[in-house]
Amino acid sequence: MSEFITQGTFRPQVQKSLAKAYHLAVNKSNLSFSQCMGNSFRQTVSGLFSHAKMNTEVMLSGHIEATRERVENTEGDYVIAPQDTTYYNYSGQKKMSGLGVIQGKVRGLMQHNVLLVNESGLPLGLLGQQYWTRKGGLNLPKGEKESSKWLKGLDAINQQASQSSKCFVAVEDREGDVFSLFKAPRLSNVELLVRVYQWRNLEVVGSQVVCKLPEVSSHLRDYGTERVRIYRHNREVELTLRLRAGAVNVYPEKDWSPSKHKTQGLSLVVAEEIGCLDPKTQEEIFCPKEAAIWYLLTSLPIDTEEQVIRVTRFYALRWQVERFHYTLKSGALQVEKLQFDDIHTLVNALAFYSVVGWKLLALTHAVRKNSDQSARAVFDESEVMLLQKVSSSKIVSIGEAVLALAKLIGFAPSKKQPFPGVKVLATALERFFFMKLGYEGSNGLADP
């Protein structure tokens, strides 16, 4: 399935042009937009981004549909759905119209994403995306707060869950500590997992004790320790966490009656960092001043040690959405260097590059973490068939697909380096792209 199936009145040629631009961007991610597309094709793609009938819903329609297909084919019963907001700084683009204010004199816009990740951490794709400005061309409707992004994201998750056999876990960081989100309607196969921090009153269900958030740990059952990996300062680290958990009711704001409005059916997992390792060197790098403590409010069951550990592990997977934003910005695509005349064109370009960013993130993660998963979790059917053809071997797993790719540029796996690094993979993808063009052309499938 194509990542770009446009809706509305667009001709099939638009889909072909977007697909071609997508493959160029994925396989030449180290180049600028102009260098990647070339002078002539750059004008074609820019014209699509600026078209009056093009919007993010249209741009992402094919990708979201393909993401839904990947969700149903992925391993495991749960799909993790982290939400997060990133801020794009375009202060250097003096002539771009429609930009708003991020903070102070910094000009730009906000983007909020719902990313779907399987239980092993493999990014499956985007489920939803929102854009807005402050005092710019994409301001929120009058009276609507920015915190509504969490409820809109949950709506998208509910809609996906209504068509799926999977269970979805909506995951939010501290910014998602919004009482209305705790009470928002969820389908039976949608769970909530929010890192809370506000000093609300909590009622510990087992003991009926009412206390503030920082005081709650001593009233919860001890579930031992667990190790999880996250990114901190753009570096992967392994945390050792002390776990406590118990059922709680969250009290509402002061002017609301606790008996009428407190939450029901939620629990709290407190995960306190007591150790930190560099997983590459196994060096202890724990810093007490930097130690994390997560207060994880969830609707997931916590009756057993295994279930408490699962809550912590699912929250750790939230870091994939931060890696997604890193890939879009400083990690690979440098989207803050995009130059267009207006915010309408920019937003459509950012939606386009979001699909590119997902592909790069998924490939990088698959190479390092999930080499035994199905190749079709990241590569489409035609890509798998072509890799089988050029490697003269059957390809089932992602690891086999990546090795077939790397073999195109002479990479030989070793005990020390069983899979290629990001730079080798990027070079191999570029070679594979031109190979695909030649193969499609010989079969009458290339773009005119």
Protein backbone atom coordinates (compact mmCIF):
# COMPACT_ATOMS: atom_id res chain seq x y z
CA MET A 1 0.00 0.00 0.00
CA SER A 2 1.28 3.47 -0.84
CA GLU A 3 2.03 5.89 2.01
CA PHE A 4 0.36 8.58 -0.12
CA ILE A 5 -3.21 8.02 -1.34
CA THR A 6 -4.61 11.48 -1.87
CA GLN A 7 -8.28 12.26 -1.42
CA GLY A 8 -10.64 14.60 -3.18
CA THR A 9 -10.13 15.89 -6.70
CA PHE A 10 -6.41 15.16 -7.06
CA ARG A 11 -5.40 13.08 -10.05
CA PRO A 12 -3.46 9.78 -9.75
CA GLN A 13 -0.38 11.62 -10.99
CA VAL A 14 -0.32 13.53 -7.67
CA GLN A 15 0.01 10.26 -5.78
CA LYS A 16 2.86 9.20 -8.07
CA SER A 17 4.65 12.51 -7.60
CA LEU A 18 4.31 12.35 -3.81
CA ALA A 19 5.50 8.73 -3.80
CA LYS A 20 8.54 9.67 -5.88
CA ALA A 21 9.30 12.64 -3.60
CA TYR A 22 8.91 10.38 -0.56
CA HIS A 23 11.45 7.86 -1.82
CA LEU A 24 13.85 10.66 -2.72
CA ALA A 25 13.52 12.18 0.76
CA VAL A 26 13.98 8.82 2.53
CA ASN A 27 16.97 7.79 0.48
CA LYS A 28 18.65 11.21 0.36
CA SER A 29 17.78 12.38 3.85
CA ASN A 30 21.15 14.09 4.32
CA LEU A 31 20.41 16.60 1.53
CA SER A 32 18.33 19.78 1.56
CA PHE A 33 14.86 19.82 -0.01
CA SER A 34 16.16 21.50 -3.20
CA GLN A 35 19.19 19.20 -3.54
CA CYS A 36 17.10 16.13 -2.83
CA MET A 37 14.35 16.87 -5.36
CA GLY A 38 16.35 18.63 -8.08
CA ASN A 39 15.40 21.96 -9.63
CA SER A 40 12.56 20.82 -11.90
CA PHE A 41 10.92 18.26 -9.61
CA ARG A 42 11.32 20.61 -6.62
CA GLN A 43 8.90 23.02 -8.31
CA THR A 44 6.40 20.21 -8.88
CA VAL A 45 6.49 19.11 -5.24
CA SER A 46 6.34 22.69 -3.93
CA GLY A 47 3.28 23.22 -6.10
CA LEU A 48 1.58 20.23 -4.48
CA PHE A 49 2.39 21.52 -1.00
CA SER A 50 0.98 24.96 -1.82
CA HIS A 51 -2.17 23.74 -3.62
CA ALA A 52 -5.28 25.30 -2.08
CA LYS A 53 -7.00 21.90 -1.73
CA MET A 54 -4.00 20.18 -0.17
CA ASN A 55 -4.04 19.82 3.61
CA THR A 56 -2.58 17.53 6.25
CA GLU A 57 -5.63 15.24 6.22
CA VAL A 58 -5.15 14.64 2.51
CA MET A 59 -1.38 14.44 2.74
CA LEU A 60 -1.46 11.84 5.53
CA SER A 61 -4.50 9.85 4.39
CA GLY A 62 -2.52 7.10 2.69
CA HIS A 63 0.03 6.87 5.48
CA ILE A 64 -2.63 6.59 8.19
CA GLU A 65 -4.41 3.87 6.21
CA ALA A 66 -1.12 1.98 5.78
CA THR A 67 -0.42 2.47 9.50
CA ARG A 68 -3.76 0.85 10.35
CA GLU A 69 -2.80 -2.13 8.22
CA ARG A 70 0.57 -2.41 9.98
CA VAL A 71 -1.20 -2.26 13.34
CA GLU A 72 -3.39 -5.26 12.53
CA ASN A 73 -0.40 -7.26 11.25
CA THR A 74 1.97 -6.46 14.13
CA GLU A 75 2.82 -8.89 16.91
CA GLY A 76 1.34 -8.53 20.40
CA ASP A 77 -2.04 -7.62 21.83
CA TYR A 78 -1.20 -4.00 22.69
CA VAL A 79 -0.36 -0.97 20.56
CA ILE A 80 1.22 1.98 22.36
CA ALA A 81 -0.06 5.41 21.26
CA PRO A 82 2.17 8.17 22.69
CA GLN A 83 1.14 11.80 22.12
CA ASP A 84 3.56 14.72 22.21
CA THR A 85 4.00 18.28 20.96
CA THR A 86 7.03 19.75 19.24
CA TYR A 87 7.81 23.40 18.46
CA TYR A 88 9.33 24.48 15.13
CA ASN A 89 11.51 27.60 15.11
CA TYR A 90 11.37 29.58 11.85
CA SER A 91 12.60 32.93 13.18
CA GLY A 92 15.12 33.04 10.34
CA GLN A 93 12.36 32.90 7.71
CA LYS A 94 11.51 36.61 7.71
CA LYS A 95 9.35 36.46 4.57
CA MET A 96 7.24 33.42 5.47
CA SER A 97 3.67 34.58 6.13
CA GLY A 98 1.35 33.13 8.76
CA LEU A 99 3.91 32.16 11.38
CA GLY A 100 3.02 32.79 15.00
CA VAL A 101 4.97 33.22 18.22
CA ILE A 102 6.44 30.30 20.13
CA GLN A 103 7.95 32.27 22.99
CA GLY A 104 9.15 35.85 23.24
CA LYS A 105 10.30 36.86 19.76
CA VAL A 106 10.76 33.30 18.49
CA ARG A 107 8.56 32.76 15.42
CA GLY A 108 7.22 29.39 14.40
CA LEU A 109 4.38 26.92 14.91
CA MET A 110 3.37 23.89 16.96
CA GLN A 111 2.84 20.30 15.83
CA HIS A 112 1.14 17.63 17.95
CA ASN A 113 1.52 13.97 16.97
CA VAL A 114 -0.02 10.62 17.88
CA LEU A 115 2.51 7.93 17.01
CA LEU A 116 1.70 4.21 17.12
CA VAL A 117 4.36 1.81 18.43
CA ASN A 118 4.18 -1.95 18.92
CA GLU A 119 5.11 -3.72 22.16
CA SER A 120 8.71 -4.16 20.98
CA GLY A 121 9.09 -0.44 20.34
CA LEU A 122 8.86 -0.52 16.55
CA PRO A 123 7.18 2.69 15.25
CA LEU A 124 4.23 1.68 13.05
CA GLY A 125 3.29 5.15 11.84
CA LEU A 126 1.26 8.24 12.65
CA LEU A 127 -2.40 8.09 13.63
CA GLY A 128 -3.05 11.81 13.83
CA GLN A 129 -1.41 15.23 13.61
CA GLN A 130 -2.45 18.74 14.66
CA TYR A 131 -0.95 22.17 13.85
CA TRP A 132 -1.57 25.61 15.31
CA THR A 133 0.04 28.99 15.91
CA ARG A 134 -0.14 31.69 18.54
CA LYS A 135 -0.95 35.08 17.00
CA GLY A 136 -0.42 33.69 13.51
CA GLY A 137 -2.28 32.23 10.57
CA LEU A 138 -3.39 28.98 12.28
CA ASN A 139 -4.75 30.19 15.60
CA LEU A 140 -7.08 27.94 17.58
CA PRO A 141 -10.80 28.78 17.53
CA LYS A 142 -11.81 31.40 20.09
CA GLY A 143 -12.26 29.86 23.51
CA GLU A 144 -10.41 26.62 22.69
CA LYS A 145 -7.38 25.84 24.85
CA GLU A 146 -4.18 24.22 23.63
CA SER A 147 -4.83 21.39 26.10
CA SER A 148 -7.67 20.24 23.81
CA LYS A 149 -4.96 18.56 21.71
CA TRP A 150 -4.93 15.65 24.19
CA LEU A 151 -8.66 15.07 23.83
CA LYS A 152 -8.47 15.30 20.03
CA GLY A 153 -5.62 12.80 20.08
CA LEU A 154 -7.67 10.47 22.27
CA ASP A 155 -10.58 10.81 19.83
CA ALA A 156 -8.30 9.61 17.02
CA ILE A 157 -7.21 6.65 19.15
CA ASN A 158 -10.82 5.78 19.97
CA GLN A 159 -11.72 5.91 16.29
CA GLN A 160 -8.86 3.58 15.37
CA ALA A 161 -9.70 1.22 18.24
CA SER A 162 -13.30 0.92 17.04
CA GLN A 163 -11.98 -0.76 13.87
CA SER A 164 -9.28 -2.90 15.49
CA SER A 165 -8.83 -6.13 17.41
CA LYS A 166 -5.87 -4.62 19.30
CA CYS A 167 -5.85 -2.85 22.66
CA PHE A 168 -4.49 0.72 22.48
CA VAL A 169 -2.64 2.48 25.29
CA ALA A 170 -2.82 6.28 25.08
CA VAL A 171 0.41 7.55 26.66
CA GLU A 172 1.04 11.16 27.72
CA ASP A 173 3.92 12.90 29.46
CA ARG A 174 3.62 15.52 32.22
CA GLU A 175 2.01 18.05 29.86
CA GLY A 176 -0.91 15.63 29.51
CA ASP A 177 -1.71 15.87 33.21
CA VAL A 178 -5.19 17.26 32.49
CA PHE A 179 -8.11 16.17 34.67
CA SER A 180 -10.60 16.25 31.79
CA LEU A 181 -8.43 13.68 29.98
CA PHE A 182 -8.68 11.28 32.93
CA LYS A 183 -12.48 11.43 32.71
CA ALA A 184 -12.76 11.48 28.90
CA PRO A 185 -14.71 8.64 27.23
CA ARG A 186 -12.60 5.68 26.11
CA LEU A 187 -13.61 2.54 24.26
CA SER A 188 -13.25 -0.79 26.08
CA ASN A 189 -10.03 -1.52 24.15
CA VAL A 190 -8.41 1.86 24.92
CA GLU A 191 -6.34 2.27 28.09
CA LEU A 192 -4.87 5.44 29.61
CA LEU A 193 -1.31 5.99 30.85
CA VAL A 194 -0.34 9.52 31.94
CA ARG A 195 2.66 10.77 33.85
CA VAL A 196 1.09 13.10 36.40
CA TYR A 197 2.86 15.75 38.45
CA GLN A 198 0.26 18.20 39.83
CA TRP A 199 -0.21 18.17 43.61
CA ARG A 200 -3.80 17.03 43.57
CA ASN A 201 -5.40 15.04 46.34
CA LEU A 202 -5.30 11.29 45.76
CA GLU A 203 -7.44 8.72 47.54
CA VAL A 204 -5.69 5.38 48.00
CA VAL A 205 -8.54 2.94 47.46
CA GLY A 206 -7.26 0.14 49.70
CA SER A 207 -6.70 2.26 52.82
CA GLN A 208 -8.98 5.24 52.12
CA VAL A 209 -6.00 7.51 52.86
CA VAL A 210 -6.20 10.92 51.14
CA CYS A 211 -2.87 12.63 50.46
CA LYS A 212 -0.95 14.78 47.99
CA LEU A 213 0.94 13.19 45.10
CA PRO A 214 4.48 13.33 46.62
CA GLU A 215 3.22 11.63 49.79
CA VAL A 216 1.47 8.71 48.12
CA SER A 217 4.42 6.29 47.66
CA SER A 218 4.50 5.12 51.28
CA HIS A 219 0.85 4.06 51.01
CA LEU A 220 1.40 1.83 47.95
CA ARG A 221 2.58 -1.75 47.69
CA ASP A 222 6.25 -2.40 46.85
CA TYR A 223 6.76 -4.37 43.62
CA GLY A 224 10.57 -4.54 43.57
CA THR A 225 12.75 -3.18 40.76
CA GLU A 226 12.80 -3.19 36.97
CA ARG A 227 15.20 -1.99 34.27
CA VAL A 228 14.05 0.03 31.27
CA ARG A 229 15.85 1.91 28.52
CA ILE A 230 15.09 5.49 27.57
CA TYR A 231 16.84 8.40 25.86
CA ARG A 232 18.25 11.15 28.04
CA HIS A 233 20.10 14.10 26.49
CA ASN A 234 19.95 12.27 23.11
CA ARG A 235 21.73 9.29 24.65
CA GLU A 236 20.33 5.86 25.41
CA VAL A 237 20.52 4.93 29.09
CA GLU A 238 19.29 2.00 31.17
CA LEU A 239 17.40 2.95 34.33
CA THR A 240 16.87 0.78 37.39
CA LEU A 241 13.49 1.73 38.87
CA ARG A 242 11.96 0.98 42.28
CA LEU A 243 8.26 0.21 41.70
CA ARG A 244 5.26 0.84 43.93
CA ALA A 245 1.61 0.65 42.86
CA GLY A 246 -1.98 0.73 44.01
CA ALA A 247 -5.52 1.70 43.00
CA VAL A 248 -6.29 5.42 43.49
CA ASN A 249 -9.03 7.96 42.87
CA VAL A 250 -7.93 11.41 41.70
CA TYR A 251 -9.78 14.33 43.24
CA PRO A 252 -10.93 17.15 40.95
CA GLU A 253 -10.29 20.89 41.19
CA LYS A 254 -11.18 22.63 44.45
CA ASP A 255 -14.55 23.99 43.27
CA TRP A 256 -15.80 20.52 42.28
CA SER A 257 -17.26 17.93 44.63
CA PRO A 258 -14.83 14.98 45.14
CA SER A 259 -17.71 12.56 45.74
CA LYS A 260 -19.31 13.46 42.41
CA HIS A 261 -16.30 14.12 40.19
CA LYS A 262 -13.34 12.01 41.40
CA THR A 263 -11.98 9.46 38.94
CA GLN A 264 -12.91 5.78 39.09
CA GLY A 265 -11.07 2.68 38.00
CA LEU A 266 -7.56 4.16 37.82
CA SER A 267 -4.31 3.14 39.50
CA LEU A 268 -0.96 4.75 40.20
CA VAL A 269 2.47 3.24 39.53
CA VAL A 270 5.38 5.12 41.11
CA ALA A 271 8.71 4.35 39.40
CA GLU A 272 11.69 5.91 41.16
CA GLU A 273 15.13 5.85 39.55
CA ILE A 274 17.75 4.26 41.83
CA GLY A 275 20.39 3.42 39.22
CA CYS A 276 21.47 4.37 35.70
CA LEU A 277 23.84 2.56 33.31
CA ASP A 278 25.40 3.34 29.95
CA PRO A 279 24.22 0.19 28.08
CA LYS A 280 27.22 0.29 25.72
CA THR A 281 29.95 0.41 28.37
CA GLN A 282 27.96 -0.87 31.39
CA GLU A 283 29.35 2.13 33.28
CA GLU A 284 27.29 3.34 36.23
CA ILE A 285 26.27 6.95 35.49
CA PHE A 286 23.58 7.47 38.14
CA CYS A 287 23.24 11.10 39.23
CA PRO A 288 20.97 11.68 42.29
CA LYS A 289 20.23 15.25 41.19
CA GLU A 290 18.99 14.00 37.80
CA ALA A 291 17.14 10.92 39.08
CA ALA A 292 13.66 10.51 37.64
CA ILE A 293 10.49 9.69 39.53
CA TRP A 294 7.49 8.81 37.42
CA TYR A 295 3.96 8.99 38.82
CA LEU A 296 2.08 6.94 36.24
CA LEU A 297 -1.70 7.17 36.37
CA THR A 298 -3.24 4.33 34.40
CA SER A 299 -6.33 2.30 33.65
CA LEU A 300 -4.19 -0.78 32.94
CA PRO A 301 -4.45 -3.61 35.51
CA ILE A 302 -1.78 -3.70 38.24
CA ASP A 303 -2.77 -6.85 40.13
CA THR A 304 0.55 -8.63 39.59
CA GLU A 305 4.23 -7.70 39.48
CA GLU A 306 4.24 -8.51 35.76
CA GLN A 307 1.40 -6.05 35.12
CA VAL A 308 3.12 -3.27 37.10
CA ILE A 309 6.32 -3.84 35.12
CA ARG A 310 4.30 -3.72 31.89
CA VAL A 311 2.94 -0.26 32.80
CA THR A 312 6.49 1.03 33.31
CA ARG A 313 7.72 -0.59 30.11
CA PHE A 314 4.87 0.87 28.07
CA TYR A 315 5.60 4.35 29.43
CA ALA A 316 9.28 3.97 28.50
CA LEU A 317 8.17 3.40 24.89
CA ARG A 318 6.84 6.98 24.90
CA TRP A 319 10.37 8.09 24.13
CA GLN A 320 9.87 6.92 20.55
CA VAL A 321 7.71 9.97 19.83
CA GLU A 322 10.55 12.17 21.11
CA ARG A 323 12.95 10.30 18.83
CA PHE A 324 10.49 10.93 16.03
CA HIS A 325 10.67 14.68 16.66
CA TYR A 326 14.45 14.45 16.92
CA THR A 327 14.57 12.70 13.52
CA LEU A 328 12.47 15.46 11.96
CA LYS A 329 14.56 18.26 13.42
CA SER A 330 18.21 17.85 14.37
CA GLY A 331 18.51 14.09 13.93
CA ALA A 332 18.25 13.74 10.15
CA LEU A 333 15.77 15.81 8.18
CA GLN A 334 16.51 19.36 9.42
CA VAL A 335 12.95 20.49 8.67
CA GLU A 336 13.50 23.81 10.44
CA LYS A 337 15.60 24.78 7.42
CA LEU A 338 12.66 24.44 5.01
CA GLN A 339 11.96 27.66 3.12
CA PHE A 340 8.51 28.41 1.73
CA ASP A 341 6.44 31.54 1.20
CA ASP A 342 3.57 30.79 3.58
CA ILE A 343 2.49 28.60 6.47
CA HIS A 344 -0.03 26.63 4.39
CA THR A 345 2.78 25.31 2.19
CA LEU A 346 5.02 24.73 5.21
CA VAL A 347 2.43 22.68 7.12
CA ASN A 348 1.84 20.39 4.14
CA ALA A 349 5.61 20.00 3.75
CA LEU A 350 5.94 19.12 7.44
CA ALA A 351 3.18 16.52 7.11
CA PHE A 352 5.02 15.04 4.12
CA TYR A 353 8.33 14.95 5.98
CA SER A 354 6.59 13.37 8.97
CA VAL A 355 6.04 10.25 6.87
CA VAL A 356 9.70 10.35 5.83
CA GLY A 357 10.72 10.75 9.49
CA TRP A 358 8.62 7.72 10.49
CA LYS A 359 10.30 5.56 7.83
CA LEU A 360 13.82 6.53 8.93
CA LEU A 361 12.98 6.05 12.62
CA ALA A 362 11.37 2.66 11.98
CA LEU A 363 14.33 1.41 9.93
CA THR A 364 16.88 2.61 12.46
CA HIS A 365 14.97 1.00 15.33
CA ALA A 366 14.39 -2.23 13.42
CA VAL A 367 18.08 -2.61 12.64
CA ARG A 368 19.09 -2.17 16.27
CA LYS A 369 16.26 -3.73 18.24
CA ASN A 370 13.85 -5.92 16.26
CA SER A 371 15.73 -7.78 13.57
CA ASP A 372 13.50 -10.88 13.85
CA GLN A 373 10.23 -9.07 13.13
CA SER A 374 8.53 -9.43 9.77
CA ALA A 375 10.17 -7.44 6.96
CA ARG A 376 6.70 -6.30 5.95
CA ALA A 377 6.44 -4.28 9.16
CA VAL A 378 8.62 -1.66 7.44
CA PHE A 379 9.04 -2.63 3.76
CA ASP A 380 6.12 -2.96 1.37
CA GLU A 381 5.50 -6.11 -0.65
CA SER A 382 7.17 -4.88 -3.84
CA GLU A 383 10.31 -3.85 -1.92
CA VAL A 384 10.57 -7.27 -0.27
CA MET A 385 10.15 -9.01 -3.64
CA LEU A 386 12.87 -6.86 -5.23
CA LEU A 387 15.27 -7.47 -2.33
CA GLN A 388 14.67 -11.21 -2.72
CA LYS A 389 15.40 -10.90 -6.43
CA VAL A 390 18.68 -8.99 -6.08
CA SER A 391 19.93 -11.04 -3.10
CA SER A 392 18.83 -14.43 -4.47
CA SER A 393 17.55 -15.42 -1.03
CA LYS A 394 14.21 -15.58 0.75
CA ILE A 395 13.49 -12.60 3.00
CA VAL A 396 11.16 -12.96 5.94
CA SER A 397 12.58 -10.81 8.75
CA ILE A 398 13.63 -7.16 8.94
CA GLY A 399 17.15 -8.32 9.70
CA GLU A 400 17.30 -10.31 6.46
CA ALA A 401 15.95 -7.34 4.50
CA VAL A 402 18.50 -4.94 6.02
CA LEU A 403 21.39 -7.31 5.31
CA ALA A 404 20.20 -7.70 1.71
CA LEU A 405 20.15 -3.91 1.44
CA ALA A 406 23.62 -3.50 2.94
CA LYS A 407 25.00 -6.20 0.66
CA LEU A 408 24.27 -3.88 -2.28
CA ILE A 409 27.18 -1.67 -1.18
CA GLY A 410 29.51 -4.43 -0.04
CA PHE A 411 28.72 -4.56 3.69
CA ALA A 412 29.74 -7.88 5.26
CA PRO A 413 28.30 -8.66 8.71
CA SER A 414 30.67 -9.65 11.50
CA LYS A 415 30.37 -10.81 15.09
CA LYS A 416 31.26 -7.30 16.26
CA GLN A 417 28.91 -5.58 13.80
CA PRO A 418 26.10 -7.94 12.73
CA PHE A 419 24.08 -5.10 11.17
CA PRO A 420 25.03 -1.88 9.37
CA GLY A 421 25.02 1.49 11.09
CA VAL A 422 22.82 4.41 10.11
CA LYS A 423 25.30 5.88 7.58
CA VAL A 424 25.81 2.55 5.79
CA LEU A 425 22.05 1.97 5.80
CA ALA A 426 21.39 5.42 4.31
CA THR A 427 23.89 4.76 1.50
CA ALA A 428 22.34 1.36 0.84
CA LEU A 429 18.86 2.87 0.70
CA GLU A 430 20.02 5.39 -1.88
CA ARG A 431 21.44 2.58 -4.07
CA PHE A 432 18.22 0.59 -3.63
CA PHE A 433 16.12 3.59 -4.64
CA PHE A 434 17.78 3.89 -8.04
CA MET A 435 17.58 0.13 -8.43
CA LYS A 436 13.81 0.33 -7.86
CA LEU A 437 13.48 3.08 -10.46
CA GLY A 438 15.27 0.94 -13.02
CA TYR A 439 13.23 -2.13 -12.17
CA GLU A 440 9.92 -0.25 -12.32
CA GLY A 441 10.95 1.41 -15.60
CA SER A 442 11.78 -1.93 -17.21
CA ASN A 443 8.32 -3.15 -16.19
CA GLY A 444 6.54 -0.04 -17.44
CA LEU A 445 5.82 1.23 -13.95
CA ALA A 446 8.10 4.25 -13.69
CA ASP A 447 6.74 7.79 -13.48
CA PRO A 448 6.52 9.50 -16.88
